[in-house]
Amino acid sequence: MLLQKEREEIVEYGKKLITSGLTKGTGGNISIFNREQGLVAMSPSGLDYFETTPEDVVVLNLDGDIVEGTRKPSSELDMHLIFYRKRVDINALVHTHSPYAKTIASLGWGLPAVSYLIAFAGPNVRCAPYATFGTKELAEAAYEGMIDRRAVLLANHGLIAGGHNMKMAFTVAEEIEFCAQIYYQTKCIGEPQLLPEEELRVLAEKFETYGQK
C-alpha cells in the first residue's frame, strides 16, 4: 500500500477532528504530502471519519490524479494541492468547520493577537474572501490569505491550518480555534487588549523551538 503511514495518520486525525470539536459530521478534510515520493494522502469525500480505513484514504499526485485508492478525494483537493505546490514548509493541512473560527469568519473578520497562542500561526490570522467550496477560486483565496502564516480563516466557511507534519497542522488548528473563542468572548464584554508587534516577533522566535524534538 502506498503511503501506508500517512494513510493511517489520516484515519487517526480524522477521528480527532470530531472528538476535538473541530468539525461535525463528515465536514472538513485533512491531507499529508510525502515530498520524497511527490504524493499526497487525502481524506475521502463524505465518508464518516469513524468508518474510514487506511484503504479509503486516497493517494494522488500534485496534478490531482489518483495514484491509488477507489474513493473520491475531498472536494477541497485544489485547496490542499496549491499549498503543496507553492509552500515548501507545509507538508500537512487540516481544514475545519470549528464553531468559533467559523463565527469570526462569518463576520468577515481576521483574528488579531488576543493571545500569545496566535503565534502558532503568525502575528495574526487573516480572513480570505468568500468563494464557493471546492473551487479553484477558494483555493487561490486561501493560499493568498495564508502567505507568511500557518492558518487562514475562510469567510462564511471555516479554517485551514498547515504545518511541517500532521501533528503540527492539527495543533495550529486547535490553538487558532481556541484563540477565536477567546476573541469572541472578549468582544462580548468589550475591546480586547492586543499584543504589540515587538512581542509577536519574540513569540515567533520562541515558537520555532517549541516542544520536544
N, C-alpha and C. Protein backbone atom coordinates (compact mmCIF):
# COMPACT_ATOMS: atom_id res chain seq x y z
N MET A 1 0.85 -1.20 0.00
CA MET A 1 0.00 0.00 0.00
C MET A 1 0.88 1.25 0.00
N LEU A 2 0.65 2.15 -0.93
CA LEU A 2 1.39 3.40 -0.98
C LEU A 2 1.04 4.27 0.22
N LEU A 3 2.03 4.97 0.76
CA LEU A 3 1.85 5.92 1.86
C LEU A 3 1.05 5.33 3.02
N GLN A 4 1.41 4.12 3.42
CA GLN A 4 0.66 3.46 4.50
C GLN A 4 0.68 4.28 5.79
N LYS A 5 1.85 4.78 6.18
CA LYS A 5 1.96 5.57 7.41
C LYS A 5 1.08 6.81 7.34
N GLU A 6 1.14 7.51 6.21
CA GLU A 6 0.36 8.73 6.04
C GLU A 6 -1.14 8.42 6.05
N ARG A 7 -1.52 7.33 5.43
CA ARG A 7 -2.94 6.96 5.39
C ARG A 7 -3.46 6.61 6.78
N GLU A 8 -2.63 5.95 7.56
CA GLU A 8 -3.02 5.64 8.93
C GLU A 8 -3.16 6.91 9.77
N GLU A 9 -2.30 7.88 9.52
CA GLU A 9 -2.39 9.17 10.22
C GLU A 9 -3.67 9.91 9.84
N ILE A 10 -4.04 9.85 8.58
CA ILE A 10 -5.27 10.49 8.13
C ILE A 10 -6.46 9.91 8.89
N VAL A 11 -6.51 8.60 9.03
CA VAL A 11 -7.59 7.94 9.77
C VAL A 11 -7.59 8.40 11.23
N GLU A 12 -6.42 8.40 11.85
CA GLU A 12 -6.30 8.80 13.26
C GLU A 12 -6.75 10.23 13.48
N TYR A 13 -6.24 11.15 12.67
CA TYR A 13 -6.55 12.56 12.87
C TYR A 13 -7.94 12.93 12.37
N GLY A 14 -8.49 12.17 11.47
CA GLY A 14 -9.88 12.39 11.08
C GLY A 14 -10.82 12.19 12.27
N LYS A 15 -10.57 11.15 13.04
CA LYS A 15 -11.36 10.91 14.25
C LYS A 15 -11.17 12.04 15.26
N LYS A 16 -9.93 12.55 15.34
CA LYS A 16 -9.64 13.64 16.27
C LYS A 16 -10.34 14.93 15.87
N LEU A 17 -10.58 15.12 14.57
CA LEU A 17 -11.36 16.29 14.15
C LEU A 17 -12.71 16.32 14.85
N ILE A 18 -13.33 15.15 14.95
CA ILE A 18 -14.65 15.05 15.58
C ILE A 18 -14.53 15.13 17.10
N THR A 19 -13.65 14.33 17.69
CA THR A 19 -13.56 14.28 19.16
C THR A 19 -13.05 15.59 19.75
N SER A 20 -12.30 16.37 18.98
CA SER A 20 -11.81 17.67 19.44
C SER A 20 -12.79 18.80 19.17
N GLY A 21 -13.90 18.49 18.51
CA GLY A 21 -14.91 19.50 18.24
C GLY A 21 -14.54 20.46 17.12
N LEU A 22 -13.63 20.06 16.25
CA LEU A 22 -13.20 20.94 15.17
C LEU A 22 -14.09 20.84 13.94
N THR A 23 -14.98 19.87 13.90
CA THR A 23 -15.96 19.79 12.81
C THR A 23 -17.11 18.91 13.26
N LYS A 24 -18.14 18.83 12.43
CA LYS A 24 -19.30 17.98 12.67
C LYS A 24 -19.52 17.07 11.47
N GLY A 25 -20.09 15.90 11.72
CA GLY A 25 -20.44 15.01 10.62
C GLY A 25 -19.24 14.62 9.78
N THR A 26 -19.38 14.81 8.47
CA THR A 26 -18.29 14.50 7.55
C THR A 26 -17.59 15.76 7.05
N GLY A 27 -17.85 16.89 7.71
CA GLY A 27 -17.26 18.16 7.29
C GLY A 27 -15.77 18.21 7.53
N GLY A 28 -15.11 19.13 6.83
CA GLY A 28 -13.67 19.28 6.96
C GLY A 28 -12.91 18.24 6.16
N ASN A 29 -11.60 18.38 6.11
CA ASN A 29 -10.75 17.43 5.39
C ASN A 29 -9.31 17.62 5.81
N ILE A 30 -8.51 16.57 5.62
CA ILE A 30 -7.10 16.60 6.01
C ILE A 30 -6.26 15.89 4.96
N SER A 31 -4.99 16.28 4.90
CA SER A 31 -4.08 15.65 3.94
C SER A 31 -2.65 15.73 4.43
N ILE A 32 -1.83 14.84 3.89
CA ILE A 32 -0.39 14.81 4.19
C ILE A 32 0.36 14.66 2.87
N PHE A 33 1.42 15.44 2.71
CA PHE A 33 2.24 15.39 1.49
C PHE A 33 3.57 14.73 1.80
N ASN A 34 3.87 13.65 1.09
CA ASN A 34 5.18 12.99 1.17
C ASN A 34 6.04 13.58 0.06
N ARG A 35 6.94 14.47 0.43
CA ARG A 35 7.74 15.18 -0.57
C ARG A 35 8.71 14.26 -1.30
N GLU A 36 9.23 13.28 -0.62
CA GLU A 36 10.17 12.37 -1.26
C GLU A 36 9.53 11.62 -2.41
N GLN A 37 8.27 11.21 -2.22
CA GLN A 37 7.58 10.46 -3.26
C GLN A 37 6.71 11.36 -4.15
N GLY A 38 6.53 12.61 -3.75
CA GLY A 38 5.71 13.52 -4.53
C GLY A 38 4.24 13.13 -4.54
N LEU A 39 3.79 12.50 -3.45
CA LEU A 39 2.41 12.00 -3.38
C LEU A 39 1.69 12.56 -2.16
N VAL A 40 0.38 12.72 -2.30
CA VAL A 40 -0.48 13.25 -1.25
C VAL A 40 -1.46 12.18 -0.79
N ALA A 41 -1.60 12.01 0.52
CA ALA A 41 -2.65 11.17 1.09
C ALA A 41 -3.75 12.09 1.58
N MET A 42 -4.99 11.86 1.12
CA MET A 42 -6.09 12.78 1.44
C MET A 42 -7.33 12.04 1.89
N SER A 43 -8.04 12.65 2.83
CA SER A 43 -9.28 12.06 3.32
C SER A 43 -10.31 11.97 2.19
N PRO A 44 -11.12 10.92 2.18
CA PRO A 44 -12.13 10.76 1.13
C PRO A 44 -13.31 11.69 1.34
N SER A 45 -14.05 11.94 0.29
CA SER A 45 -15.20 12.84 0.34
C SER A 45 -16.41 12.17 0.99
N GLY A 46 -17.01 12.87 1.97
CA GLY A 46 -18.30 12.47 2.52
C GLY A 46 -18.35 11.16 3.26
N LEU A 47 -17.21 10.69 3.77
CA LEU A 47 -17.18 9.41 4.47
C LEU A 47 -17.05 9.66 5.97
N ASP A 48 -17.84 8.94 6.76
CA ASP A 48 -17.79 9.05 8.21
C ASP A 48 -16.35 8.81 8.69
N TYR A 49 -15.84 9.73 9.50
CA TYR A 49 -14.46 9.61 9.95
C TYR A 49 -14.22 8.34 10.77
N PHE A 50 -15.25 7.88 11.48
CA PHE A 50 -15.10 6.70 12.31
C PHE A 50 -15.29 5.40 11.53
N GLU A 51 -15.67 5.52 10.27
CA GLU A 51 -15.79 4.35 9.41
C GLU A 51 -14.67 4.29 8.36
N THR A 52 -13.87 5.35 8.30
CA THR A 52 -12.80 5.42 7.31
C THR A 52 -11.64 4.50 7.68
N THR A 53 -11.15 3.76 6.71
CA THR A 53 -9.99 2.88 6.90
C THR A 53 -8.82 3.43 6.09
N PRO A 54 -7.60 2.97 6.35
CA PRO A 54 -6.46 3.42 5.53
C PRO A 54 -6.68 3.17 4.04
N GLU A 55 -7.38 2.10 3.70
CA GLU A 55 -7.65 1.80 2.28
C GLU A 55 -8.58 2.83 1.64
N ASP A 56 -9.39 3.50 2.47
CA ASP A 56 -10.31 4.52 1.95
C ASP A 56 -9.60 5.83 1.63
N VAL A 57 -8.45 6.04 2.26
CA VAL A 57 -7.70 7.28 2.04
C VAL A 57 -7.14 7.27 0.62
N VAL A 58 -7.28 8.39 -0.06
CA VAL A 58 -6.90 8.49 -1.48
C VAL A 58 -5.46 8.99 -1.61
N VAL A 59 -4.70 8.38 -2.50
CA VAL A 59 -3.34 8.82 -2.80
C VAL A 59 -3.34 9.46 -4.19
N LEU A 60 -2.80 10.69 -4.25
CA LEU A 60 -2.81 11.45 -5.50
C LEU A 60 -1.44 12.06 -5.76
N ASN A 61 -1.22 12.46 -7.01
CA ASN A 61 -0.03 13.25 -7.31
C ASN A 61 -0.40 14.73 -7.28
N LEU A 62 0.58 15.60 -7.52
CA LEU A 62 0.33 17.04 -7.41
C LEU A 62 -0.50 17.58 -8.56
N ASP A 63 -0.77 16.77 -9.57
CA ASP A 63 -1.69 17.16 -10.63
C ASP A 63 -3.13 16.82 -10.27
N GLY A 64 -3.31 16.14 -9.13
CA GLY A 64 -4.65 15.75 -8.70
C GLY A 64 -5.11 14.42 -9.27
N ASP A 65 -4.21 13.69 -9.90
CA ASP A 65 -4.56 12.37 -10.45
C ASP A 65 -4.49 11.32 -9.34
N ILE A 66 -5.48 10.44 -9.29
CA ILE A 66 -5.49 9.37 -8.29
C ILE A 66 -4.45 8.32 -8.68
N VAL A 67 -3.55 8.04 -7.75
CA VAL A 67 -2.50 7.04 -7.96
C VAL A 67 -2.90 5.72 -7.34
N GLU A 68 -3.57 5.80 -6.19
CA GLU A 68 -4.05 4.58 -5.53
C GLU A 68 -5.27 4.90 -4.69
N GLY A 69 -6.25 3.99 -4.72
CA GLY A 69 -7.48 4.17 -3.95
C GLY A 69 -8.69 4.19 -4.85
N THR A 70 -9.81 3.75 -4.31
CA THR A 70 -11.05 3.68 -5.09
C THR A 70 -12.04 4.76 -4.71
N ARG A 71 -11.76 5.49 -3.64
CA ARG A 71 -12.67 6.54 -3.19
C ARG A 71 -12.43 7.85 -3.93
N LYS A 72 -13.42 8.71 -3.86
CA LYS A 72 -13.30 10.07 -4.40
C LYS A 72 -12.64 10.94 -3.33
N PRO A 73 -11.63 11.74 -3.69
CA PRO A 73 -10.99 12.59 -2.68
C PRO A 73 -11.89 13.74 -2.26
N SER A 74 -11.53 14.38 -1.18
CA SER A 74 -12.28 15.53 -0.69
C SER A 74 -12.51 16.57 -1.78
N SER A 75 -13.63 17.26 -1.68
CA SER A 75 -13.96 18.30 -2.65
C SER A 75 -12.98 19.47 -2.59
N GLU A 76 -12.23 19.59 -1.49
CA GLU A 76 -11.28 20.69 -1.36
C GLU A 76 -9.87 20.30 -1.82
N LEU A 77 -9.79 19.35 -2.72
CA LEU A 77 -8.50 18.89 -3.23
C LEU A 77 -7.64 20.04 -3.74
N ASP A 78 -8.23 20.93 -4.53
CA ASP A 78 -7.45 22.04 -5.10
C ASP A 78 -6.86 22.93 -4.01
N MET A 79 -7.61 23.12 -2.93
CA MET A 79 -7.13 23.98 -1.84
C MET A 79 -5.91 23.36 -1.15
N HIS A 80 -5.87 22.05 -1.07
CA HIS A 80 -4.71 21.39 -0.47
C HIS A 80 -3.53 21.39 -1.43
N LEU A 81 -3.76 21.07 -2.69
CA LEU A 81 -2.67 20.95 -3.65
C LEU A 81 -1.93 22.25 -3.88
N ILE A 82 -2.63 23.38 -3.84
CA ILE A 82 -1.98 24.65 -4.11
C ILE A 82 -0.90 24.95 -3.08
N PHE A 83 -1.14 24.52 -1.84
CA PHE A 83 -0.13 24.73 -0.79
C PHE A 83 1.07 23.82 -0.98
N TYR A 84 0.83 22.58 -1.35
CA TYR A 84 1.95 21.65 -1.54
C TYR A 84 2.80 22.01 -2.75
N ARG A 85 2.19 22.64 -3.72
CA ARG A 85 2.95 23.08 -4.90
C ARG A 85 3.80 24.31 -4.60
N LYS A 86 3.28 25.18 -3.71
CA LYS A 86 3.90 26.50 -3.55
C LYS A 86 4.56 26.76 -2.20
N ARG A 87 4.28 25.93 -1.19
CA ARG A 87 4.84 26.16 0.14
C ARG A 87 5.72 24.98 0.56
N VAL A 88 7.02 25.19 0.57
CA VAL A 88 7.93 24.10 0.93
C VAL A 88 7.92 23.80 2.42
N ASP A 89 7.35 24.70 3.22
CA ASP A 89 7.32 24.50 4.67
C ASP A 89 6.07 23.75 5.14
N ILE A 90 5.17 23.45 4.23
CA ILE A 90 3.91 22.80 4.61
C ILE A 90 3.83 21.41 4.00
N ASN A 91 3.69 20.42 4.87
CA ASN A 91 3.56 19.02 4.44
C ASN A 91 2.28 18.37 4.95
N ALA A 92 1.44 19.14 5.64
CA ALA A 92 0.17 18.62 6.12
C ALA A 92 -0.81 19.78 6.29
N LEU A 93 -2.08 19.50 6.02
CA LEU A 93 -3.12 20.53 6.11
C LEU A 93 -4.35 19.96 6.81
N VAL A 94 -4.97 20.82 7.62
CA VAL A 94 -6.19 20.47 8.34
C VAL A 94 -7.22 21.56 8.06
N HIS A 95 -8.32 21.19 7.43
CA HIS A 95 -9.41 22.12 7.16
C HIS A 95 -10.57 21.79 8.09
N THR A 96 -10.99 22.78 8.88
CA THR A 96 -12.02 22.56 9.89
C THR A 96 -13.24 23.45 9.67
N HIS A 97 -14.32 23.06 10.32
CA HIS A 97 -15.52 23.88 10.42
C HIS A 97 -15.77 24.20 11.89
N SER A 98 -14.71 24.48 12.62
CA SER A 98 -14.80 24.69 14.06
C SER A 98 -15.64 25.93 14.38
N PRO A 99 -16.48 25.87 15.43
CA PRO A 99 -17.52 26.88 15.64
C PRO A 99 -17.04 28.31 15.84
N TYR A 100 -16.01 28.52 16.64
CA TYR A 100 -15.59 29.90 16.90
C TYR A 100 -14.84 30.49 15.71
N ALA A 101 -13.98 29.70 15.09
CA ALA A 101 -13.30 30.18 13.89
C ALA A 101 -14.32 30.49 12.80
N LYS A 102 -15.32 29.64 12.67
CA LYS A 102 -16.34 29.86 11.65
C LYS A 102 -17.19 31.09 11.98
N THR A 103 -17.43 31.33 13.27
CA THR A 103 -18.18 32.52 13.67
C THR A 103 -17.43 33.78 13.28
N ILE A 104 -16.15 33.84 13.61
CA ILE A 104 -15.35 35.02 13.26
C ILE A 104 -15.27 35.17 11.74
N ALA A 105 -15.08 34.05 11.04
CA ALA A 105 -15.00 34.09 9.57
C ALA A 105 -16.32 34.53 8.95
N SER A 106 -17.43 34.22 9.59
CA SER A 106 -18.74 34.60 9.06
C SER A 106 -19.01 36.09 9.24
N LEU A 107 -18.23 36.73 10.09
CA LEU A 107 -18.29 38.19 10.21
C LEU A 107 -17.33 38.86 9.23
N GLY A 108 -16.52 38.04 8.57
CA GLY A 108 -15.53 38.58 7.65
C GLY A 108 -14.35 39.20 8.36
N TRP A 109 -14.17 38.84 9.63
CA TRP A 109 -13.08 39.40 10.42
C TRP A 109 -11.84 38.52 10.35
N GLY A 110 -10.69 39.16 10.48
CA GLY A 110 -9.48 38.42 10.76
C GLY A 110 -9.37 38.21 12.27
N LEU A 111 -8.39 37.46 12.68
CA LEU A 111 -8.20 37.16 14.10
C LEU A 111 -6.92 37.83 14.58
N PRO A 112 -7.04 38.86 15.44
CA PRO A 112 -5.85 39.56 15.92
C PRO A 112 -5.17 38.83 17.08
N ALA A 113 -4.11 39.42 17.58
CA ALA A 113 -3.29 38.78 18.61
C ALA A 113 -3.88 38.97 20.00
N VAL A 114 -4.97 38.26 20.27
CA VAL A 114 -5.60 38.32 21.59
C VAL A 114 -4.88 37.42 22.59
N SER A 115 -4.10 36.49 22.11
CA SER A 115 -3.37 35.55 22.95
C SER A 115 -2.02 35.26 22.32
N TYR A 116 -1.05 34.94 23.16
CA TYR A 116 0.27 34.58 22.62
C TYR A 116 0.20 33.32 21.76
N LEU A 117 -0.87 32.53 21.93
CA LEU A 117 -1.01 31.29 21.16
C LEU A 117 -1.26 31.55 19.67
N ILE A 118 -1.61 32.80 19.33
CA ILE A 118 -1.78 33.15 17.92
C ILE A 118 -0.48 32.90 17.15
N ALA A 119 0.65 32.94 17.88
CA ALA A 119 1.96 32.79 17.25
C ALA A 119 2.17 31.41 16.63
N PHE A 120 1.32 30.44 16.98
CA PHE A 120 1.37 29.16 16.27
C PHE A 120 1.14 29.36 14.78
N ALA A 121 0.35 30.39 14.43
CA ALA A 121 0.01 30.65 13.03
C ALA A 121 0.75 31.84 12.45
N GLY A 122 1.10 32.81 13.30
CA GLY A 122 1.71 34.03 12.82
C GLY A 122 1.33 35.18 13.73
N PRO A 123 1.58 36.43 13.32
CA PRO A 123 1.22 37.58 14.15
C PRO A 123 -0.28 37.81 14.23
N ASN A 124 -1.02 37.22 13.31
CA ASN A 124 -2.49 37.28 13.28
C ASN A 124 -2.95 36.23 12.27
N VAL A 125 -4.25 36.11 12.13
CA VAL A 125 -4.81 35.21 11.12
C VAL A 125 -5.76 36.02 10.25
N ARG A 126 -5.47 36.08 8.97
CA ARG A 126 -6.32 36.84 8.05
C ARG A 126 -7.60 36.07 7.73
N CYS A 127 -8.57 36.78 7.16
CA CYS A 127 -9.79 36.14 6.66
C CYS A 127 -9.81 36.27 5.14
N ALA A 128 -9.77 35.15 4.45
CA ALA A 128 -9.83 35.15 2.98
C ALA A 128 -11.26 35.44 2.53
N PRO A 129 -11.44 36.14 1.41
CA PRO A 129 -12.79 36.43 0.92
C PRO A 129 -13.55 35.17 0.56
N TYR A 130 -14.86 35.28 0.60
CA TYR A 130 -15.70 34.11 0.34
C TYR A 130 -15.57 33.63 -1.11
N ALA A 131 -15.55 32.33 -1.26
CA ALA A 131 -15.63 31.67 -2.57
C ALA A 131 -16.32 30.33 -2.36
N THR A 132 -17.00 29.85 -3.37
CA THR A 132 -17.74 28.58 -3.28
C THR A 132 -16.80 27.44 -2.93
N PHE A 133 -17.27 26.54 -2.06
CA PHE A 133 -16.42 25.42 -1.65
C PHE A 133 -16.06 24.55 -2.86
N GLY A 134 -14.88 23.96 -2.80
CA GLY A 134 -14.44 23.05 -3.85
C GLY A 134 -14.02 23.71 -5.15
N THR A 135 -13.81 25.03 -5.14
CA THR A 135 -13.43 25.72 -6.38
C THR A 135 -11.98 26.18 -6.34
N LYS A 136 -11.43 26.42 -7.53
CA LYS A 136 -10.08 26.96 -7.62
C LYS A 136 -10.03 28.37 -7.04
N GLU A 137 -11.15 29.09 -7.11
CA GLU A 137 -11.21 30.44 -6.54
C GLU A 137 -10.99 30.39 -5.03
N LEU A 138 -11.59 29.41 -4.37
CA LEU A 138 -11.38 29.27 -2.93
C LEU A 138 -9.94 28.88 -2.64
N ALA A 139 -9.40 27.97 -3.44
CA ALA A 139 -8.01 27.54 -3.25
C ALA A 139 -7.06 28.73 -3.33
N GLU A 140 -7.25 29.58 -4.33
CA GLU A 140 -6.38 30.74 -4.52
C GLU A 140 -6.56 31.75 -3.40
N ALA A 141 -7.81 31.96 -2.97
CA ALA A 141 -8.06 32.91 -1.87
C ALA A 141 -7.41 32.42 -0.58
N ALA A 142 -7.51 31.13 -0.32
CA ALA A 142 -6.90 30.55 0.89
C ALA A 142 -5.38 30.70 0.85
N TYR A 143 -4.80 30.40 -0.30
CA TYR A 143 -3.35 30.49 -0.43
C TYR A 143 -2.87 31.92 -0.20
N GLU A 144 -3.52 32.87 -0.84
CA GLU A 144 -3.13 34.28 -0.70
C GLU A 144 -3.27 34.74 0.75
N GLY A 145 -4.35 34.31 1.39
CA GLY A 145 -4.58 34.73 2.77
C GLY A 145 -3.61 34.13 3.76
N MET A 146 -2.98 33.02 3.39
CA MET A 146 -2.08 32.32 4.31
C MET A 146 -0.61 32.57 4.02
N ILE A 147 -0.31 33.51 3.13
CA ILE A 147 1.09 33.85 2.87
C ILE A 147 1.74 34.32 4.18
N ASP A 148 2.90 33.75 4.50
CA ASP A 148 3.64 34.06 5.73
C ASP A 148 2.86 33.71 7.00
N ARG A 149 1.93 32.81 6.90
CA ARG A 149 1.14 32.36 8.05
C ARG A 149 1.00 30.84 7.97
N ARG A 150 0.51 30.25 9.06
CA ARG A 150 0.22 28.82 9.06
C ARG A 150 -1.28 28.55 9.14
N ALA A 151 -2.08 29.59 9.06
CA ALA A 151 -3.53 29.41 9.10
C ALA A 151 -4.21 30.59 8.42
N VAL A 152 -5.42 30.35 7.94
CA VAL A 152 -6.25 31.41 7.37
C VAL A 152 -7.71 31.06 7.60
N LEU A 153 -8.49 32.08 7.97
CA LEU A 153 -9.93 31.91 8.06
C LEU A 153 -10.51 32.02 6.66
N LEU A 154 -11.56 31.26 6.40
CA LEU A 154 -12.25 31.27 5.11
C LEU A 154 -13.64 31.84 5.35
N ALA A 155 -13.92 32.99 4.76
CA ALA A 155 -15.16 33.71 5.04
C ALA A 155 -16.39 32.81 4.89
N ASN A 156 -17.26 32.84 5.91
CA ASN A 156 -18.51 32.07 5.91
C ASN A 156 -18.29 30.57 5.72
N HIS A 157 -17.13 30.08 6.12
CA HIS A 157 -16.80 28.69 5.82
C HIS A 157 -16.08 28.00 6.97
N GLY A 158 -14.86 28.44 7.30
CA GLY A 158 -14.12 27.74 8.33
C GLY A 158 -12.68 28.19 8.40
N LEU A 159 -11.79 27.23 8.57
CA LEU A 159 -10.37 27.49 8.79
C LEU A 159 -9.55 26.43 8.07
N ILE A 160 -8.37 26.82 7.58
CA ILE A 160 -7.40 25.83 7.13
C ILE A 160 -6.07 26.16 7.79
N ALA A 161 -5.41 25.12 8.31
CA ALA A 161 -4.15 25.28 9.02
C ALA A 161 -3.13 24.30 8.46
N GLY A 162 -1.87 24.71 8.46
CA GLY A 162 -0.82 23.86 7.92
C GLY A 162 0.36 23.75 8.85
N GLY A 163 1.21 22.75 8.58
CA GLY A 163 2.42 22.56 9.37
C GLY A 163 3.38 21.65 8.65
N HIS A 164 4.57 21.48 9.24
CA HIS A 164 5.57 20.61 8.61
C HIS A 164 5.18 19.14 8.72
N ASN A 165 4.27 18.83 9.65
CA ASN A 165 3.72 17.48 9.74
C ASN A 165 2.29 17.57 10.26
N MET A 166 1.59 16.43 10.33
CA MET A 166 0.19 16.45 10.71
C MET A 166 0.00 16.88 12.16
N LYS A 167 0.89 16.45 13.03
CA LYS A 167 0.77 16.84 14.43
C LYS A 167 0.78 18.35 14.58
N MET A 168 1.70 19.03 13.88
CA MET A 168 1.77 20.49 13.98
C MET A 168 0.57 21.15 13.31
N ALA A 169 0.16 20.68 12.16
CA ALA A 169 -1.00 21.26 11.48
C ALA A 169 -2.24 21.17 12.36
N PHE A 170 -2.42 20.04 13.01
CA PHE A 170 -3.58 19.85 13.88
C PHE A 170 -3.47 20.75 15.11
N THR A 171 -2.26 20.89 15.65
CA THR A 171 -2.05 21.78 16.79
C THR A 171 -2.40 23.21 16.43
N VAL A 172 -1.97 23.66 15.27
CA VAL A 172 -2.29 25.01 14.81
C VAL A 172 -3.81 25.19 14.73
N ALA A 173 -4.50 24.22 14.15
CA ALA A 173 -5.96 24.30 14.03
C ALA A 173 -6.62 24.39 15.40
N GLU A 174 -6.16 23.58 16.34
CA GLU A 174 -6.73 23.61 17.70
C GLU A 174 -6.47 24.94 18.40
N GLU A 175 -5.23 25.42 18.33
CA GLU A 175 -4.88 26.65 19.03
C GLU A 175 -5.58 27.87 18.43
N ILE A 176 -5.74 27.90 17.11
CA ILE A 176 -6.42 29.03 16.49
C ILE A 176 -7.91 29.00 16.80
N GLU A 177 -8.49 27.82 16.89
CA GLU A 177 -9.89 27.74 17.34
C GLU A 177 -10.02 28.28 18.76
N PHE A 178 -9.07 27.96 19.63
CA PHE A 178 -9.09 28.48 21.00
C PHE A 178 -8.94 30.00 21.00
N CYS A 179 -8.03 30.53 20.18
CA CYS A 179 -7.86 31.98 20.09
C CYS A 179 -9.14 32.65 19.58
N ALA A 180 -9.81 32.00 18.63
CA ALA A 180 -11.07 32.54 18.11
C ALA A 180 -12.13 32.57 19.21
N GLN A 181 -12.15 31.56 20.05
CA GLN A 181 -13.09 31.54 21.18
C GLN A 181 -12.80 32.68 22.14
N ILE A 182 -11.53 32.89 22.47
CA ILE A 182 -11.15 33.98 23.37
C ILE A 182 -11.54 35.33 22.76
N TYR A 183 -11.30 35.49 21.47
CA TYR A 183 -11.65 36.75 20.79
C TYR A 183 -13.15 36.98 20.84
N TYR A 184 -13.92 35.96 20.55
CA TYR A 184 -15.38 36.06 20.61
C TYR A 184 -15.83 36.47 22.01
N GLN A 185 -15.28 35.82 23.02
CA GLN A 185 -15.70 36.10 24.40
C GLN A 185 -15.32 37.50 24.84
N THR A 186 -14.11 37.95 24.48
CA THR A 186 -13.71 39.30 24.87
C THR A 186 -14.53 40.35 24.14
N LYS A 187 -14.88 40.10 22.89
CA LYS A 187 -15.70 41.06 22.14
C LYS A 187 -17.11 41.17 22.72
N CYS A 188 -17.56 40.10 23.39
CA CYS A 188 -18.87 40.15 24.04
C CYS A 188 -18.86 41.08 25.24
N ILE A 189 -17.68 41.32 25.81
CA ILE A 189 -17.55 42.14 27.01
C ILE A 189 -17.06 43.54 26.69
N GLY A 190 -16.12 43.63 25.77
CA GLY A 190 -15.52 44.92 25.43
C GLY A 190 -14.53 44.76 24.30
N GLU A 191 -13.49 45.59 24.32
CA GLU A 191 -12.45 45.51 23.31
C GLU A 191 -11.22 44.82 23.90
N PRO A 192 -10.73 43.76 23.28
CA PRO A 192 -9.58 43.05 23.83
C PRO A 192 -8.30 43.87 23.74
N GLN A 193 -7.42 43.63 24.69
CA GLN A 193 -6.08 44.21 24.64
C GLN A 193 -5.21 43.31 23.78
N LEU A 194 -4.67 43.86 22.72
CA LEU A 194 -3.89 43.06 21.77
C LEU A 194 -2.40 43.13 22.08
N LEU A 195 -1.70 42.07 21.77
CA LEU A 195 -0.26 42.02 21.99
C LEU A 195 0.46 42.92 20.97
N PRO A 196 1.50 43.63 21.41
CA PRO A 196 2.23 44.52 20.49
C PRO A 196 3.08 43.74 19.49
N GLU A 197 3.42 44.40 18.39
CA GLU A 197 4.19 43.75 17.33
C GLU A 197 5.54 43.24 17.81
N GLU A 198 6.21 44.00 18.69
CA GLU A 198 7.51 43.58 19.19
C GLU A 198 7.41 42.25 19.93
N GLU A 199 6.37 42.09 20.74
CA GLU A 199 6.17 40.84 21.47
C GLU A 199 5.88 39.70 20.50
N LEU A 200 5.15 39.98 19.45
CA LEU A 200 4.83 38.94 18.46
C LEU A 200 6.09 38.44 17.76
N ARG A 201 7.05 39.33 17.54
CA ARG A 201 8.32 38.91 16.94
C ARG A 201 9.08 37.98 17.89
N VAL A 202 9.06 38.32 19.18
CA VAL A 202 9.70 37.47 20.19
C VAL A 202 9.03 36.10 20.23
N LEU A 203 7.70 36.11 20.22
CA LEU A 203 6.95 34.85 20.27
C LEU A 203 7.23 33.98 19.05
N ALA A 204 7.34 34.61 17.88
CA ALA A 204 7.60 33.84 16.66
C ALA A 204 8.92 33.08 16.78
N GLU A 205 9.93 33.71 17.37
CA GLU A 205 11.22 33.05 17.56
C GLU A 205 11.11 31.91 18.56
N LYS A 206 10.38 32.14 19.65
CA LYS A 206 10.23 31.11 20.68
C LYS A 206 9.47 29.89 20.16
N PHE A 207 8.47 30.14 19.33
CA PHE A 207 7.67 29.03 18.82
C PHE A 207 8.43 28.18 17.79
N GLU A 208 9.50 28.72 17.24
CA GLU A 208 10.32 27.94 16.31
C GLU A 208 10.99 26.77 17.01
N THR A 209 11.20 26.90 18.32
CA THR A 209 11.87 25.83 19.08
C THR A 209 10.93 25.23 20.13
N TYR A 210 9.63 25.45 19.98
CA TYR A 210 8.65 24.96 20.96
C TYR A 210 8.49 23.44 20.88
N GLY A 211 8.34 22.81 22.04
CA GLY A 211 8.03 21.39 22.08
C GLY A 211 9.27 20.51 22.07
N GLN A 212 9.03 19.21 21.99
CA GLN A 212 10.10 18.21 22.00
C GLN A 212 10.61 17.97 20.59
N LYS A 213 11.88 17.75 20.47
CA LYS A 213 12.50 17.47 19.17
C LYS A 213 12.85 16.00 19.05
